[in-house]
């Protein structure tokens, strides 16, 4: 099994590396999403990114595309995915005011309107529908060298940022009121975190699809939450879980001829069941 996987490396190395780097990157960001109990936010931002791609495909049908050939480029679609995901992250990051809608209500609205419009915009375009369905089903095959470098750089920057600001980030995630009391500009930090979340999700979605992106964003962090006693330890555990499931998932998918993204997410789901079981057993041991 391992030998066959290594034999495929020259052909699919970019796919493997990009997938693993996406898993590590999103799992780190996912720690904040899970620690702040905003799991559905990840789904809404992912769906908004899909709407951005659909809007990018729709624009050449209403604008003179021959005058702006870049409208049909992959770079423009990636740009639209990032813009829409950042916009969704910023909209849902704001705190609700008295008498206004709750953050959960706005998040649900973003998810539902994005899910409907992303299909409506490309409903009369067979190629557009095929692309949206590919994104929704998650096909990571076809990642490029540029994807590897992009996600490697983003993962490195994220690790460096967490390492340099870990105390403030932990305080912001666990107790925003205390963070405000000690002088942190929590609103500005929230905007920066939302923008970074939107950027990483938007770029990842274009390469790996919705299922893999959302799965790597929340499942490794949920596993870490159930395995670790402190949020600090989650920043080490979540990337290890994501990388382990990614490596095992890609190896098994290649051996049994299954889609790699779906296999990796299935293993992450299994890992979460194991983490739940270990937490339950630990709780029973303490109470008995």
C-alpha atoms as a PDB file:
ATOM      1  CA  UNK A   1       0.000   0.000   0.000  1.00  0.00           C
ATOM      2  CA  UNK A   2       2.715   2.482   1.001  1.00  0.00           C
ATOM      3  CA  UNK A   3       4.868   1.466  -1.955  1.00  0.00           C
ATOM      4  CA  UNK A   4       2.026   2.102  -4.405  1.00  0.00           C
ATOM      5  CA  UNK A   5       1.364   5.472  -2.810  1.00  0.00           C
ATOM      6  CA  UNK A   6       5.004   6.509  -3.084  1.00  0.00           C
ATOM      7  CA  UNK A   7       5.003   5.383  -6.712  1.00  0.00           C
ATOM      8  CA  UNK A   8       2.209   7.879  -7.402  1.00  0.00           C
ATOM      9  CA  UNK A   9       4.156  10.739  -5.836  1.00  0.00           C
ATOM     10  CA  UNK A  10       5.672  12.144  -9.075  1.00  0.00           C
ATOM     11  CA  UNK A  11       2.187  12.473 -10.567  1.00  0.00           C
ATOM     12  CA  UNK A  12       0.187  13.665  -7.547  1.00  0.00           C
ATOM     13  CA  UNK A  13       2.780  15.294  -5.276  1.00  0.00           C
ATOM     14  CA  UNK A  14       1.186  18.746  -5.610  1.00  0.00           C
ATOM     15  CA  UNK A  15      -2.215  17.317  -4.685  1.00  0.00           C
ATOM     16  CA  UNK A  16      -0.857  15.556  -1.616  1.00  0.00           C
ATOM     17  CA  UNK A  17       1.224  18.480  -0.374  1.00  0.00           C
ATOM     18  CA  UNK A  18      -1.483  21.073  -1.002  1.00  0.00           C
ATOM     19  CA  UNK A  19      -4.069  18.923   0.757  1.00  0.00           C
ATOM     20  CA  UNK A  20      -1.891  18.401   3.827  1.00  0.00           C
ATOM     21  CA  UNK A  21      -0.924  22.070   4.035  1.00  0.00           C
ATOM     22  CA  UNK A  22      -4.576  23.114   3.718  1.00  0.00           C
ATOM     23  CA  UNK A  23      -5.423  20.736   6.564  1.00  0.00           C
ATOM     24  CA  UNK A  24      -2.724  22.176   8.836  1.00  0.00           C
ATOM     25  CA  UNK A  25      -3.601  25.770   7.968  1.00  0.00           C
ATOM     26  CA  UNK A  26      -7.362  25.444   8.446  1.00  0.00           C
ATOM     27  CA  UNK A  27      -7.013  23.391  11.632  1.00  0.00           C
ATOM     28  CA  UNK A  28      -5.031  26.211  13.237  1.00  0.00           C
ATOM     29  CA  UNK A  29      -7.659  28.793  12.293  1.00  0.00           C
ATOM     30  CA  UNK A  30     -10.348  26.324  13.333  1.00  0.00           C
ATOM     31  CA  UNK A  31      -9.107  26.378  16.935  1.00  0.00           C
ATOM     32  CA  UNK A  32     -10.410  29.948  17.224  1.00  0.00           C
ATOM     33  CA  UNK A  33     -13.692  29.021  15.536  1.00  0.00           C
ATOM     34  CA  UNK A  34     -14.261  26.100  17.914  1.00  0.00           C
ATOM     35  CA  UNK A  35     -12.980  27.900  21.025  1.00  0.00           C
ATOM     36  CA  UNK A  36     -15.464  30.717  20.393  1.00  0.00           C
ATOM     37  CA  UNK A  37     -18.255  28.221  19.622  1.00  0.00           C
ATOM     38  CA  UNK A  38     -18.773  29.550  16.078  1.00  0.00           C
ATOM     39  CA  UNK A  39     -18.710  26.281  14.141  1.00  0.00           C
ATOM     40  CA  UNK A  40     -21.628  27.228  11.878  1.00  0.00           C
ATOM     41  CA  UNK A  41     -19.687  30.367  10.958  1.00  0.00           C
ATOM     42  CA  UNK A  42     -17.234  28.157   9.076  1.00  0.00           C
ATOM     43  CA  UNK A  43     -20.027  26.646   7.001  1.00  0.00           C
ATOM     44  CA  UNK A  44     -21.442  30.086   6.179  1.00  0.00           C
ATOM     45  CA  UNK A  45     -18.080  31.494   5.077  1.00  0.00           C
ATOM     46  CA  UNK A  46     -17.353  28.403   2.997  1.00  0.00           C
ATOM     47  CA  UNK A  47     -20.709  28.703   1.270  1.00  0.00           C
ATOM     48  CA  UNK A  48     -20.174  32.432   0.689  1.00  0.00           C
ATOM     49  CA  UNK A  49     -16.873  31.617  -0.993  1.00  0.00           C
ATOM     50  CA  UNK A  50     -18.757  29.266  -3.315  1.00  0.00           C
ATOM     51  CA  UNK A  51     -21.104  32.148  -4.151  1.00  0.00           C
ATOM     52  CA  UNK A  52     -18.058  34.247  -5.029  1.00  0.00           C
ATOM     53  CA  UNK A  53     -16.921  31.658  -7.558  1.00  0.00           C
ATOM     54  CA  UNK A  54     -20.435  31.428  -9.014  1.00  0.00           C
ATOM     55  CA  UNK A  55     -20.566  35.223  -9.295  1.00  0.00           C
ATOM     56  CA  UNK A  56     -17.200  35.188 -11.033  1.00  0.00           C
ATOM     57  CA  UNK A  57     -18.534  32.701 -13.582  1.00  0.00           C
ATOM     58  CA  UNK A  58     -21.712  34.717 -14.068  1.00  0.00           C
ATOM     59  CA  UNK A  59     -20.033  38.081 -14.693  1.00  0.00           C
ATOM     60  CA  UNK A  60     -18.673  37.250 -18.207  1.00  0.00           C
ATOM     61  CA  UNK A  61     -22.251  36.539 -19.302  1.00  0.00           C
ATOM     62  CA  UNK A  62     -23.374  40.107 -18.550  1.00  0.00           C
ATOM     63  CA  UNK A  63     -20.131  41.985 -19.293  1.00  0.00           C
ATOM     64  CA  UNK A  64     -18.287  42.112 -22.600  1.00  0.00           C
ATOM     65  CA  UNK A  65     -15.849  39.360 -21.746  1.00  0.00           C
ATOM     66  CA  UNK A  66     -13.834  39.910 -24.947  1.00  0.00           C
ATOM     67  CA  UNK A  67     -12.887  43.361 -23.596  1.00  0.00           C
ATOM     68  CA  UNK A  68     -11.880  41.911 -20.232  1.00  0.00           C
ATOM     69  CA  UNK A  69     -10.415  38.441 -20.901  1.00  0.00           C
ATOM     70  CA  UNK A  70      -9.163  38.199 -17.319  1.00  0.00           C
ATOM     71  CA  UNK A  71     -12.785  37.703 -16.243  1.00  0.00           C
ATOM     72  CA  UNK A  72     -12.496  34.099 -17.442  1.00  0.00           C
ATOM     73  CA  UNK A  73      -9.233  33.359 -15.651  1.00  0.00           C
ATOM     74  CA  UNK A  74      -8.788  31.064 -12.666  1.00  0.00           C
ATOM     75  CA  UNK A  75      -7.081  33.906 -10.832  1.00  0.00           C
ATOM     76  CA  UNK A  76     -10.226  36.030 -11.054  1.00  0.00           C
ATOM     77  CA  UNK A  77     -12.362  33.190  -9.697  1.00  0.00           C
ATOM     78  CA  UNK A  78      -9.954  32.727  -6.790  1.00  0.00           C
ATOM     79  CA  UNK A  79     -10.081  36.478  -6.153  1.00  0.00           C
ATOM     80  CA  UNK A  80     -13.891  36.444  -6.090  1.00  0.00           C
ATOM     81  CA  UNK A  81     -13.883  33.470  -3.714  1.00  0.00           C
ATOM     82  CA  UNK A  82     -11.587  35.313  -1.305  1.00  0.00           C
ATOM     83  CA  UNK A  83     -13.536  38.589  -1.530  1.00  0.00           C
ATOM     84  CA  UNK A  84     -16.889  36.958  -0.797  1.00  0.00           C
ATOM     85  CA  UNK A  85     -15.519  34.834   2.039  1.00  0.00           C
ATOM     86  CA  UNK A  86     -13.850  37.851   3.668  1.00  0.00           C
ATOM     87  CA  UNK A  87     -17.067  39.866   3.318  1.00  0.00           C
ATOM     88  CA  UNK A  88     -19.044  37.042   4.934  1.00  0.00           C
ATOM     89  CA  UNK A  89     -16.513  36.723   7.745  1.00  0.00           C
ATOM     90  CA  UNK A  90     -16.616  40.454   8.456  1.00  0.00           C
ATOM     91  CA  UNK A  91     -20.421  40.606   8.360  1.00  0.00           C
ATOM     92  CA  UNK A  92     -20.793  37.700  10.782  1.00  0.00           C
ATOM     93  CA  UNK A  93     -17.965  38.863  13.051  1.00  0.00           C
ATOM     94  CA  UNK A  94     -19.821  41.932  14.289  1.00  0.00           C
ATOM     95  CA  UNK A  95     -21.498  41.785  17.671  1.00  0.00           C
ATOM     96  CA  UNK A  96     -25.246  42.110  17.749  1.00  0.00           C
ATOM     97  CA  UNK A  97     -26.701  45.314  19.150  1.00  0.00           C
ATOM     98  CA  UNK A  98     -29.672  45.620  21.445  1.00  0.00           C
ATOM     99  CA  UNK A  99     -32.815  45.017  19.447  1.00  0.00           C
ATOM    100  CA  UNK A 100     -30.868  43.803  16.430  1.00  0.00           C
ATOM    101  CA  UNK A 101     -30.379  40.402  14.920  1.00  0.00           C
ATOM    102  CA  UNK A 102     -28.162  37.912  16.712  1.00  0.00           C
ATOM    103  CA  UNK A 103     -24.884  36.769  15.217  1.00  0.00           C
ATOM    104  CA  UNK A 104     -26.364  33.293  14.693  1.00  0.00           C
ATOM    105  CA  UNK A 105     -29.252  34.760  12.690  1.00  0.00           C
ATOM    106  CA  UNK A 106     -26.892  36.693  10.422  1.00  0.00           C
ATOM    107  CA  UNK A 107     -24.697  33.622   9.978  1.00  0.00           C
ATOM    108  CA  UNK A 108     -27.717  31.531   8.994  1.00  0.00           C
ATOM    109  CA  UNK A 109     -28.805  34.219   6.522  1.00  0.00           C
ATOM    110  CA  UNK A 110     -25.337  34.300   4.927  1.00  0.00           C
ATOM    111  CA  UNK A 111     -25.307  30.517   4.580  1.00  0.00           C
ATOM    112  CA  UNK A 112     -28.796  30.220   3.071  1.00  0.00           C
ATOM    113  CA  UNK A 113     -28.592  33.176   0.681  1.00  0.00           C
ATOM    114  CA  UNK A 114     -25.161  32.039  -0.525  1.00  0.00           C
ATOM    115  CA  UNK A 115     -26.322  28.454  -1.049  1.00  0.00           C
ATOM    116  CA  UNK A 116     -29.312  29.546  -3.128  1.00  0.00           C
ATOM    117  CA  UNK A 117     -27.663  32.286  -5.180  1.00  0.00           C
ATOM    118  CA  UNK A 118     -24.599  30.192  -6.024  1.00  0.00           C
ATOM    119  CA  UNK A 119     -26.872  27.776  -7.918  1.00  0.00           C
ATOM    120  CA  UNK A 120     -29.198  30.405  -9.402  1.00  0.00           C
ATOM    121  CA  UNK A 121     -26.333  32.396 -10.924  1.00  0.00           C
ATOM    122  CA  UNK A 122     -25.049  29.421 -12.918  1.00  0.00           C
ATOM    123  CA  UNK A 123     -28.343  27.576 -13.440  1.00  0.00           C
ATOM    124  CA  UNK A 124     -28.255  28.186 -17.216  1.00  0.00           C
ATOM    125  CA  UNK A 125     -24.557  27.426 -17.620  1.00  0.00           C
ATOM    126  CA  UNK A 126     -23.696  23.710 -17.844  1.00  0.00           C
ATOM    127  CA  UNK A 127     -20.014  24.439 -17.231  1.00  0.00           C
ATOM    128  CA  UNK A 128     -20.841  26.675 -14.269  1.00  0.00           C
ATOM    129  CA  UNK A 129     -23.112  24.075 -12.676  1.00  0.00           C
ATOM    130  CA  UNK A 130     -20.458  21.428 -13.170  1.00  0.00           C
ATOM    131  CA  UNK A 131     -17.853  23.614 -11.469  1.00  0.00           C
ATOM    132  CA  UNK A 132     -20.123  24.415  -8.506  1.00  0.00           C
ATOM    133  CA  UNK A 133     -20.974  20.735  -8.090  1.00  0.00           C
ATOM    134  CA  UNK A 134     -17.242  19.917  -8.204  1.00  0.00           C
ATOM    135  CA  UNK A 135     -16.600  22.425  -5.430  1.00  0.00           C
ATOM    136  CA  UNK A 136     -19.477  21.119  -3.334  1.00  0.00           C
ATOM    137  CA  UNK A 137     -18.307  17.518  -3.752  1.00  0.00           C
ATOM    138  CA  UNK A 138     -14.647  18.383  -3.009  1.00  0.00           C
ATOM    139  CA  UNK A 139     -12.124  17.228  -5.575  1.00  0.00           C
ATOM    140  CA  UNK A 140      -8.596  18.155  -4.588  1.00  0.00           C
ATOM    141  CA  UNK A 141      -7.044  16.415  -7.590  1.00  0.00           C
ATOM    142  CA  UNK A 142      -5.312  18.932  -9.827  1.00  0.00           C
ATOM    143  CA  UNK A 143      -3.629  21.195  -7.275  1.00  0.00           C
ATOM    144  CA  UNK A 144      -0.677  23.093  -8.712  1.00  0.00           C
ATOM    145  CA  UNK A 145       2.802  23.972  -7.513  1.00  0.00           C
ATOM    146  CA  UNK A 146       1.526  27.509  -6.895  1.00  0.00           C
ATOM    147  CA  UNK A 147      -1.088  26.060  -4.522  1.00  0.00           C
ATOM    148  CA  UNK A 148       1.622  24.259  -2.548  1.00  0.00           C
ATOM    149  CA  UNK A 149       3.683  27.425  -2.159  1.00  0.00           C
ATOM    150  CA  UNK A 150       0.618  29.537  -1.354  1.00  0.00           C
ATOM    151  CA  UNK A 151      -0.694  27.291   1.403  1.00  0.00           C
ATOM    152  CA  UNK A 152       2.793  26.642   2.715  1.00  0.00           C
ATOM    153  CA  UNK A 153       3.347  30.393   3.066  1.00  0.00           C
ATOM    154  CA  UNK A 154      -0.067  30.923   4.684  1.00  0.00           C
ATOM    155  CA  UNK A 155       0.535  28.076   7.133  1.00  0.00           C
ATOM    156  CA  UNK A 156       3.949  29.492   8.016  1.00  0.00           C
ATOM    157  CA  UNK A 157       2.549  32.984   8.558  1.00  0.00           C
ATOM    158  CA  UNK A 158      -0.268  31.611  10.695  1.00  0.00           C
ATOM    159  CA  UNK A 159       2.128  29.625  12.877  1.00  0.00           C
ATOM    160  CA  UNK A 160       4.386  32.666  13.276  1.00  0.00           C
ATOM    161  CA  UNK A 161       1.432  34.904  14.166  1.00  0.00           C
ATOM    162  CA  UNK A 162       0.075  32.472  16.736  1.00  0.00           C
ATOM    163  CA  UNK A 163       3.517  32.035  18.222  1.00  0.00           C
ATOM    164  CA  UNK A 164       4.088  35.782  18.533  1.00  0.00           C
ATOM    165  CA  UNK A 165       0.609  36.684  19.819  1.00  0.00           C
ATOM    166  CA  UNK A 166      -0.529  33.493  21.519  1.00  0.00           C
ATOM    167  CA  UNK A 167      -1.329  35.073  24.908  1.00  0.00           C
ATOM    168  CA  UNK A 168      -3.504  37.805  23.445  1.00  0.00           C
ATOM    169  CA  UNK A 169      -5.143  35.417  21.002  1.00  0.00           C
ATOM    170  CA  UNK A 170      -5.937  32.968  23.799  1.00  0.00           C
ATOM    171  CA  UNK A 171      -7.416  35.729  25.941  1.00  0.00           C
ATOM    172  CA  UNK A 172      -9.490  36.979  23.016  1.00  0.00           C
ATOM    173  CA  UNK A 173     -10.787  33.480  22.283  1.00  0.00           C
ATOM    174  CA  UNK A 174     -11.584  32.553  25.887  1.00  0.00           C
ATOM    175  CA  UNK A 175     -12.660  35.816  27.501  1.00  0.00           C
ATOM    176  CA  UNK A 176     -13.272  38.784  25.150  1.00  0.00           C
ATOM    177  CA  UNK A 177     -14.578  40.907  28.044  1.00  0.00           C
ATOM    178  CA  UNK A 178     -11.341  40.428  29.993  1.00  0.00           C
ATOM    179  CA  UNK A 179      -9.327  41.128  26.833  1.00  0.00           C
ATOM    180  CA  UNK A 180     -11.177  44.431  26.488  1.00  0.00           C
ATOM    181  CA  UNK A 181     -10.600  45.204  30.158  1.00  0.00           C
ATOM    182  CA  UNK A 182      -6.817  44.782  29.909  1.00  0.00           C
ATOM    183  CA  UNK A 183      -6.595  47.149  26.967  1.00  0.00           C
ATOM    184  CA  UNK A 184      -6.879  44.944  23.885  1.00  0.00           C
ATOM    185  CA  UNK A 185      -8.767  46.487  20.987  1.00  0.00           C
ATOM    186  CA  UNK A 186     -11.003  43.473  20.628  1.00  0.00           C
ATOM    187  CA  UNK A 187     -13.015  44.880  17.730  1.00  0.00           C
ATOM    188  CA  UNK A 188      -9.857  45.380  15.667  1.00  0.00           C
ATOM    189  CA  UNK A 189      -8.559  41.918  16.579  1.00  0.00           C
ATOM    190  CA  UNK A 190     -11.923  40.391  15.642  1.00  0.00           C
ATOM    191  CA  UNK A 191     -11.778  42.073  12.226  1.00  0.00           C
ATOM    192  CA  UNK A 192      -8.246  40.818  11.605  1.00  0.00           C
ATOM    193  CA  UNK A 193      -9.191  37.263  12.610  1.00  0.00           C
ATOM    194  CA  UNK A 194     -12.318  37.379  10.434  1.00  0.00           C
ATOM    195  CA  UNK A 195     -10.345  38.656   7.444  1.00  0.00           C
ATOM    196  CA  UNK A 196      -7.686  35.969   7.874  1.00  0.00           C
ATOM    197  CA  UNK A 197     -10.370  33.301   8.186  1.00  0.00           C
ATOM    198  CA  UNK A 198     -12.043  34.561   5.026  1.00  0.00           C
ATOM    199  CA  UNK A 199      -8.740  34.669   3.131  1.00  0.00           C
ATOM    200  CA  UNK A 200      -7.711  31.129   4.045  1.00  0.00           C
ATOM    201  CA  UNK A 201     -11.155  29.626   3.455  1.00  0.00           C
ATOM    202  CA  UNK A 202     -11.575  31.436   0.138  1.00  0.00           C
ATOM    203  CA  UNK A 203      -8.242  30.199  -1.209  1.00  0.00           C
ATOM    204  CA  UNK A 204      -8.681  26.678   0.149  1.00  0.00           C
ATOM    205  CA  UNK A 205     -12.170  26.266  -1.294  1.00  0.00           C
ATOM    206  CA  UNK A 206     -10.996  26.878  -4.843  1.00  0.00           C
ATOM    207  CA  UNK A 207      -8.398  24.114  -4.534  1.00  0.00           C
ATOM    208  CA  UNK A 208     -10.016  21.523  -2.264  1.00  0.00           C
ATOM    209  CA  UNK A 209     -13.782  22.054  -2.372  1.00  0.00           C
ATOM    210  CA  UNK A 210     -16.368  22.737   0.312  1.00  0.00           C
ATOM    211  CA  UNK A 211     -16.394  19.390   2.136  1.00  0.00           C
ATOM    212  CA  UNK A 212     -12.643  19.188   2.661  1.00  0.00           C
ATOM    213  CA  UNK A 213     -12.354  22.890   3.530  1.00  0.00           C
ATOM    214  CA  UNK A 214     -15.115  22.850   6.135  1.00  0.00           C
ATOM    215  CA  UNK A 215     -14.030  19.446   7.457  1.00  0.00           C
ATOM    216  CA  UNK A 216     -10.437  20.556   8.026  1.00  0.00           C
ATOM    217  CA  UNK A 217     -11.628  23.801   9.587  1.00  0.00           C
ATOM    218  CA  UNK A 218     -13.738  22.274  12.350  1.00  0.00           C
ATOM    219  CA  UNK A 219     -13.106  18.533  12.806  1.00  0.00           C
ATOM    220  CA  UNK A 220      -9.414  18.629  13.888  1.00  0.00           C
ATOM    221  CA  UNK A 221     -10.163  21.464  16.319  1.00  0.00           C
ATOM    222  CA  UNK A 222     -13.138  19.556  17.744  1.00  0.00           C
ATOM    223  CA  UNK A 223     -10.916  16.510  18.231  1.00  0.00           C
ATOM    224  CA  UNK A 224      -8.345  18.675  19.993  1.00  0.00           C
ATOM    225  CA  UNK A 225     -11.037  20.246  22.187  1.00  0.00           C
ATOM    226  CA  UNK A 226     -12.084  16.815  23.445  1.00  0.00           C
ATOM    227  CA  UNK A 227      -8.520  15.562  23.907  1.00  0.00           C
ATOM    228  CA  UNK A 228      -6.901  18.627  25.481  1.00  0.00           C
ATOM    229  CA  UNK A 229      -7.506  20.302  28.805  1.00  0.00           C
ATOM    230  CA  UNK A 230      -6.265  23.730  27.661  1.00  0.00           C
ATOM    231  CA  UNK A 231      -6.771  25.772  24.501  1.00  0.00           C
ATOM    232  CA  UNK A 232      -3.005  26.254  24.270  1.00  0.00           C
ATOM    233  CA  UNK A 233      -2.527  22.527  23.670  1.00  0.00           C
ATOM    234  CA  UNK A 234      -5.185  22.580  20.941  1.00  0.00           C
ATOM    235  CA  UNK A 235      -2.821  24.557  18.684  1.00  0.00           C
ATOM    236  CA  UNK A 236      -0.454  21.565  18.683  1.00  0.00           C
ATOM    237  CA  UNK A 237      -3.034  18.779  18.642  1.00  0.00           C
ATOM    238  CA  UNK A 238      -5.352  20.062  15.904  1.00  0.00           C
ATOM    239  CA  UNK A 239      -2.665  20.303  13.164  1.00  0.00           C
ATOM    240  CA  UNK A 240      -1.330  16.859  14.098  1.00  0.00           C
ATOM    241  CA  UNK A 241      -4.827  15.370  13.814  1.00  0.00           C
ATOM    242  CA  UNK A 242      -5.390  17.111  10.467  1.00  0.00           C
ATOM    243  CA  UNK A 243      -2.028  15.986   9.096  1.00  0.00           C
ATOM    244  CA  UNK A 244      -2.431  12.415  10.344  1.00  0.00           C
ATOM    245  CA  UNK A 245      -5.918  12.059   8.866  1.00  0.00           C
ATOM    246  CA  UNK A 246      -4.750  13.672   5.636  1.00  0.00           C
ATOM    247  CA  UNK A 247      -1.800  11.334   5.179  1.00  0.00           C
ATOM    248  CA  UNK A 248      -3.778   8.215   6.123  1.00  0.00           C
ATOM    249  CA  UNK A 249      -6.771   9.329   4.052  1.00  0.00           C
ATOM    250  CA  UNK A 250      -4.751   9.958   0.903  1.00  0.00           C
ATOM    251  CA  UNK A 251      -2.881   6.663   1.243  1.00  0.00           C
ATOM    252  CA  UNK A 252      -6.115   4.676   1.720  1.00  0.00           C
ATOM    253  CA  UNK A 253      -7.894   6.587  -1.040  1.00  0.00           C
ATOM    254  CA  UNK A 254      -5.121   5.809  -3.509  1.00  0.00           C
ATOM    255  CA  UNK A 255      -5.009   2.146  -2.534  1.00  0.00           C
ATOM    256  CA  UNK A 256      -8.777   1.557  -2.690  1.00  0.00           C
ATOM    257  CA  UNK A 257      -9.461   4.061  -5.504  1.00  0.00           C
ATOM    258  CA  UNK A 258     -11.652   6.439  -3.466  1.00  0.00           C
ATOM    259  CA  UNK A 259     -11.808  10.262  -3.593  1.00  0.00           C
ATOM    260  CA  UNK A 260      -9.006  11.502  -1.296  1.00  0.00           C
ATOM    261  CA  UNK A 261     -10.867  14.494   0.173  1.00  0.00           C
ATOM    262  CA  UNK A 262     -13.859  12.409   1.214  1.00  0.00           C
ATOM    263  CA  UNK A 263     -11.636   9.702   2.680  1.00  0.00           C
ATOM    264  CA  UNK A 264      -9.670  12.223   4.748  1.00  0.00           C
ATOM    265  CA  UNK A 265     -12.837  13.872   6.082  1.00  0.00           C
ATOM    266  CA  UNK A 266     -14.308  10.466   6.936  1.00  0.00           C
ATOM    267  CA  UNK A 267     -11.192   9.660   8.964  1.00  0.00           C
ATOM    268  CA  UNK A 268     -11.450  13.015  10.729  1.00  0.00           C
ATOM    269  CA  UNK A 269     -15.036  12.168  11.609  1.00  0.00           C
ATOM    270  CA  UNK A 270     -13.903   8.804  12.974  1.00  0.00           C
ATOM    271  CA  UNK A 271     -11.166  10.532  14.964  1.00  0.00           C
ATOM    272  CA  UNK A 272     -13.780  12.794  16.529  1.00  0.00           C
ATOM    273  CA  UNK A 273     -15.857   9.775  17.584  1.00  0.00           C
ATOM    274  CA  UNK A 274     -12.741   8.315  19.235  1.00  0.00           C
ATOM    275  CA  UNK A 275     -12.046  11.652  20.951  1.00  0.00           C
ATOM    276  CA  UNK A 276     -15.632  11.764  22.247  1.00  0.00           C
ATOM    277  CA  UNK A 277     -15.239   8.205  23.568  1.00  0.00           C
ATOM    278  CA  UNK A 278     -11.971   9.033  25.334  1.00  0.00           C
ATOM    279  CA  UNK A 279     -13.507  12.128  26.901  1.00  0.00           C
ATOM    280  CA  UNK A 280     -16.521  10.125  28.086  1.00  0.00           C
ATOM    281  CA  UNK A 281     -14.252   7.434  29.548  1.00  0.00           C
ATOM    282  CA  UNK A 282     -12.137  10.067  31.284  1.00  0.00           C
ATOM    283  CA  UNK A 283     -15.248  11.670  32.734  1.00  0.00           C
ATOM    284  CA  UNK A 284     -16.565   8.320  33.971  1.00  0.00           C
ATOM    285  CA  UNK A 285     -13.214   7.596  35.600  1.00  0.00           C
ATOM    286  CA  UNK A 286     -13.229  10.888  37.485  1.00  0.00           C
ATOM    287  CA  UNK A 287     -16.823  10.528  38.703  1.00  0.00           C
ATOM    288  CA  UNK A 288     -16.537   6.893  39.768  1.00  0.00           C
END
